[in-house]
Structures are given as structure tokens and as C-alpha cells.
Protein backbone atom coordinates (compact mmCIF):
# COMPACT_ATOMS: atom_id res chain seq x y z
CA MET A 1 117.74 93.21 112.69
CA ASN A 2 115.69 90.57 114.63
CA MET A 3 115.95 86.62 113.11
CA SER A 4 112.36 86.33 111.59
CA ALA A 5 112.98 89.25 109.51
CA LEU A 6 116.41 87.44 108.76
CA ILE A 7 114.40 84.29 107.84
CA ILE A 8 111.45 86.15 105.65
CA ASP A 9 114.38 88.16 103.51
CA ILE A 10 116.49 84.97 102.83
CA LEU A 11 113.42 83.06 102.16
CA LEU A 12 112.46 85.45 99.77
CA TRP A 13 116.14 86.19 98.32
CA GLY A 14 116.08 82.47 97.99
CA SER A 15 112.82 82.27 96.08
CA LEU A 16 113.79 85.00 93.99
CA ILE A 17 117.14 83.65 92.75
CA GLY A 18 115.35 80.13 92.09
CA VAL A 19 113.03 81.53 90.10
CA ALA A 20 115.36 83.46 88.06
CA ALA A 21 117.41 80.00 87.70
CA LEU A 22 114.55 78.73 86.27
CA ALA A 23 114.22 80.96 83.93
CA TRP A 24 117.21 81.59 82.55
CA MET A 25 116.93 77.98 81.90
CA GLN A 26 114.03 77.57 80.55
CA ASP A 27 114.91 80.34 77.91
CA ARG A 28 117.28 83.20 77.56
CA LYS A 29 114.76 85.24 76.30
CA VAL A 30 111.74 84.46 79.69
CA MET A 31 114.87 85.67 81.76
CA THR A 32 115.46 88.88 79.58
CA THR A 33 111.08 89.68 79.50
CA ALA A 34 110.87 88.46 83.57
CA LEU A 35 113.91 90.91 84.52
CA ARG A 36 112.30 94.23 82.03
CA LYS A 37 108.78 93.43 83.31
CA GLY A 38 110.07 93.19 87.09
CA THR A 39 112.17 95.89 86.96
CA MET A 40 109.17 98.17 85.32
CA ASP A 41 107.00 97.33 88.22
CA PHE A 42 109.34 97.49 91.03
CA VAL A 43 109.75 101.44 89.40
CA TYR A 44 105.75 101.40 89.53
CA ILE A 45 104.90 100.64 92.65
CA VAL A 46 108.02 100.94 94.99
CA PRO A 47 106.88 104.71 94.94
CA ARG A 48 103.36 104.51 96.40
CA ILE A 49 105.03 101.95 98.84
CA ALA A 50 107.24 104.66 99.68
CA LEU A 51 104.48 107.26 100.11
CA GLY A 52 101.65 104.95 102.13
CA VAL A 53 104.97 104.18 104.95
CA ILE A 54 105.76 107.90 104.49
CA GLY A 55 101.89 109.17 104.87
CA SER A 56 101.21 106.57 108.00
CA GLY A 57 103.84 107.72 109.77
CA PHE A 58 101.94 111.74 109.18
CA ILE A 59 98.50 109.93 109.82
CA ALA A 60 100.26 108.36 113.13
CA ALA A 61 101.32 112.17 114.22
CA ILE A 62 98.14 113.89 113.42
CA ILE A 63 96.08 111.57 114.92
CA PRO A 64 95.67 111.87 118.49
CA SER A 65 96.88 108.61 120.30
CA HIS A 66 93.26 108.73 122.69
CA VAL A 67 91.21 108.47 119.41
CA ILE A 68 92.76 104.82 118.58
CA VAL A 69 92.84 103.72 121.94
CA GLY A 70 89.52 104.59 122.63
CA GLY A 71 88.39 103.05 119.61
CA LEU A 72 90.91 100.01 118.90
CA GLY A 73 93.15 99.72 122.56
CA PRO A 74 94.01 96.70 123.61
CA ASP A 75 91.54 97.43 127.12
CA THR A 76 88.31 97.37 123.99
CA GLY A 77 87.70 93.58 123.88
CA TRP A 78 84.66 92.36 121.42
CA LEU A 79 83.60 96.06 121.52
CA GLY A 80 86.77 97.32 119.55
CA VAL A 81 87.30 94.00 117.35
CA ALA A 82 83.71 94.44 116.16
CA THR A 83 84.48 98.51 115.77
CA ALA A 84 87.40 97.31 113.78
CA VAL A 85 85.79 94.87 111.48
CA ILE A 86 83.51 97.68 110.51
CA ALA A 87 86.51 100.04 109.96
CA GLY A 88 88.13 97.44 107.95
CA ALA A 89 85.49 96.70 105.50
CA ALA A 90 84.76 100.48 105.47
CA THR A 91 88.53 101.39 103.93
CA PRO A 92 88.72 101.47 101.01
CA GLY A 93 92.29 101.71 98.80
CA GLY A 94 94.70 99.22 98.03
CA PRO A 95 97.71 97.49 100.16
CA VAL A 96 99.26 100.52 100.94
CA ILE A 97 96.18 102.33 102.50
CA GLY A 98 95.30 99.35 104.49
CA PHE A 99 97.83 98.18 105.95
CA SER A 100 99.56 101.79 106.71
CA ILE A 101 96.25 102.57 108.65
CA GLY A 102 96.81 98.99 110.13
CA ALA A 103 100.37 100.42 111.25
CA VAL A 104 99.02 103.67 112.53
CA ALA A 105 96.75 101.75 114.38
CA MET A 106 99.74 99.35 116.08
CA LYS A 107 101.86 102.50 116.18
CA SER A 108 99.10 104.55 118.29
CA GLY A 109 98.20 101.81 120.99
CA GLY A 110 95.76 100.09 118.89
CA GLY A 111 95.72 96.63 120.41
CA ALA A 112 97.10 94.10 118.33
CA PRO A 113 93.57 91.87 118.09
CA GLN A 114 91.42 94.55 116.90
CA VAL A 115 94.81 95.58 113.79
CA VAL A 116 94.69 91.66 113.28
CA ALA A 117 90.41 92.02 112.90
CA TYR A 118 90.66 95.72 110.88
CA VAL A 119 93.24 93.88 108.18
CA VAL A 120 91.38 90.99 107.76
CA ALA A 121 87.97 92.39 107.30
CA TRP A 122 89.72 95.20 104.92
CA ALA A 123 91.46 92.26 103.21
CA LEU A 124 87.77 89.99 103.24
CA PHE A 125 85.00 92.84 103.01
CA ALA A 126 86.51 96.13 101.28
CA PHE A 127 82.61 97.20 100.51
CA GLN A 128 84.08 99.27 97.43
CA ARG A 129 86.13 96.40 96.25
CA LEU A 130 82.88 94.42 96.54
CA ILE A 131 80.93 96.64 94.40
CA LEU A 132 83.50 98.22 91.84
CA TRP A 133 85.34 94.69 91.46
CA GLU A 134 83.74 91.27 92.26
CA ILE A 135 79.67 92.01 91.51
CA PRO A 136 80.93 93.02 88.04
CA PHE A 137 83.00 89.69 87.54
CA MET A 138 81.10 87.69 89.38
CA PRO A 139 77.29 87.00 90.25
CA ALA A 140 76.27 89.28 93.33
CA ARG A 141 74.63 85.78 95.09
CA PHE A 142 77.66 84.12 94.81
CA VAL A 143 79.89 87.78 96.01
CA TRP A 144 77.32 88.12 98.95
CA PHE A 145 77.80 84.35 99.57
CA ARG A 146 81.24 84.76 99.81
CA ALA A 147 81.47 87.48 102.11
CA ALA A 148 78.91 85.85 104.31
CA VAL A 149 80.89 82.43 104.63
CA SER A 150 84.39 84.45 105.28
CA LEU A 151 82.08 87.03 108.31
CA PRO A 152 83.97 84.51 110.88
CA PHE A 153 87.29 85.20 110.02
CA PRO A 154 88.40 88.54 111.50
CA PHE A 155 86.46 87.41 114.98
CA LEU A 156 87.93 84.25 114.40
CA ALA A 157 91.75 85.62 114.00
CA ALA A 158 91.09 88.51 116.65
CA ALA A 159 90.31 85.94 119.19
CA ILE A 160 93.35 83.57 118.34
CA ALA A 161 95.35 87.08 118.71
CA MET A 162 93.89 86.93 121.93
CA LEU A 163 95.17 83.85 122.73
CA ILE A 164 98.62 84.19 121.72
CA GLY A 165 99.09 87.50 123.23
CA LYS A 166 101.27 90.76 122.47
CA PRO A 167 103.44 90.73 119.46
């Protein structure tokens, strides 16, 4: 295990213990309710995460790496970033899908800036989320304004990834 993963694990476990202690001190019933709800969320979400991770391995094995490298490879530059932004915005589904596809791209030889741009674009612009969730709950004018204001971020993230270098 590398040092950054260990630090993240310690922070996550420390946060969990801290929040549990606060719930316990507030009221024993709060602690019991939180533990029950958290356990149900865990039981509900973990199989989906496992399916996504295993599925990403299958997708990585099925998609020829030259397809990924040709469109999102480290040598595709800004055209690859633009392709990644469009692909990210067009990708439907939740985090299990978006992050799994990003993992597949990395495993298959995708460039870090291109994959960063894909994930950021997916997080900000997934078309189906804009249409099915944002527009019904907020005025369409605001949603399109938010999307327009957010447009530079995948490109900015890719530029920063290019400056930093390979992870």
C-alpha cells in the first residue's frame, strides 16, 4: 500500500470514528438510527460498486487498447482532450459507470490529461443528468448558464494535468 492511500484510509476512518462519537454523545438513538441507515446504504451500494469495478475490467479486456490510445492517448493532445470532453458529457449513468470508464481508459493507455478531462466533463455535463434532473428542478436558463460557466473546467483540469505530468 502506498503512503497516499494509507493517509486517505486514516482520514476516512478517523472521520467515521469522529462522526460516530458525535452521534453517540448526542443521543444513543441517533447512533442506532445512523448505524442502521449506514448499514443499509452499504448493503445497497457495495454490490453496485463491485459490479462496476469488475465490469470495467471486462470492458478493458474487450476494447482494443489501440481504440483508446487512438482517441484518448497521451499523444492526442488537445484533440484528445476535446474528444474526452464530448465523450464525458455523452456518458450516461452514475459514478459506477463514469469512473469505471475512466479507469478503463487509464488501464488501456489513455493519457492522464484526457482521462481527467473525461471525468470532469462527465461530472459537470452529463447530458442525461442535465435533461432528466437539472432542468426539471431548476429553470432551464439557469441550467444552461451553469453549464456554460462550467465549460472551461475540463480543459483547465487537462491543462493542469499536462503541467503536472504522469500520475
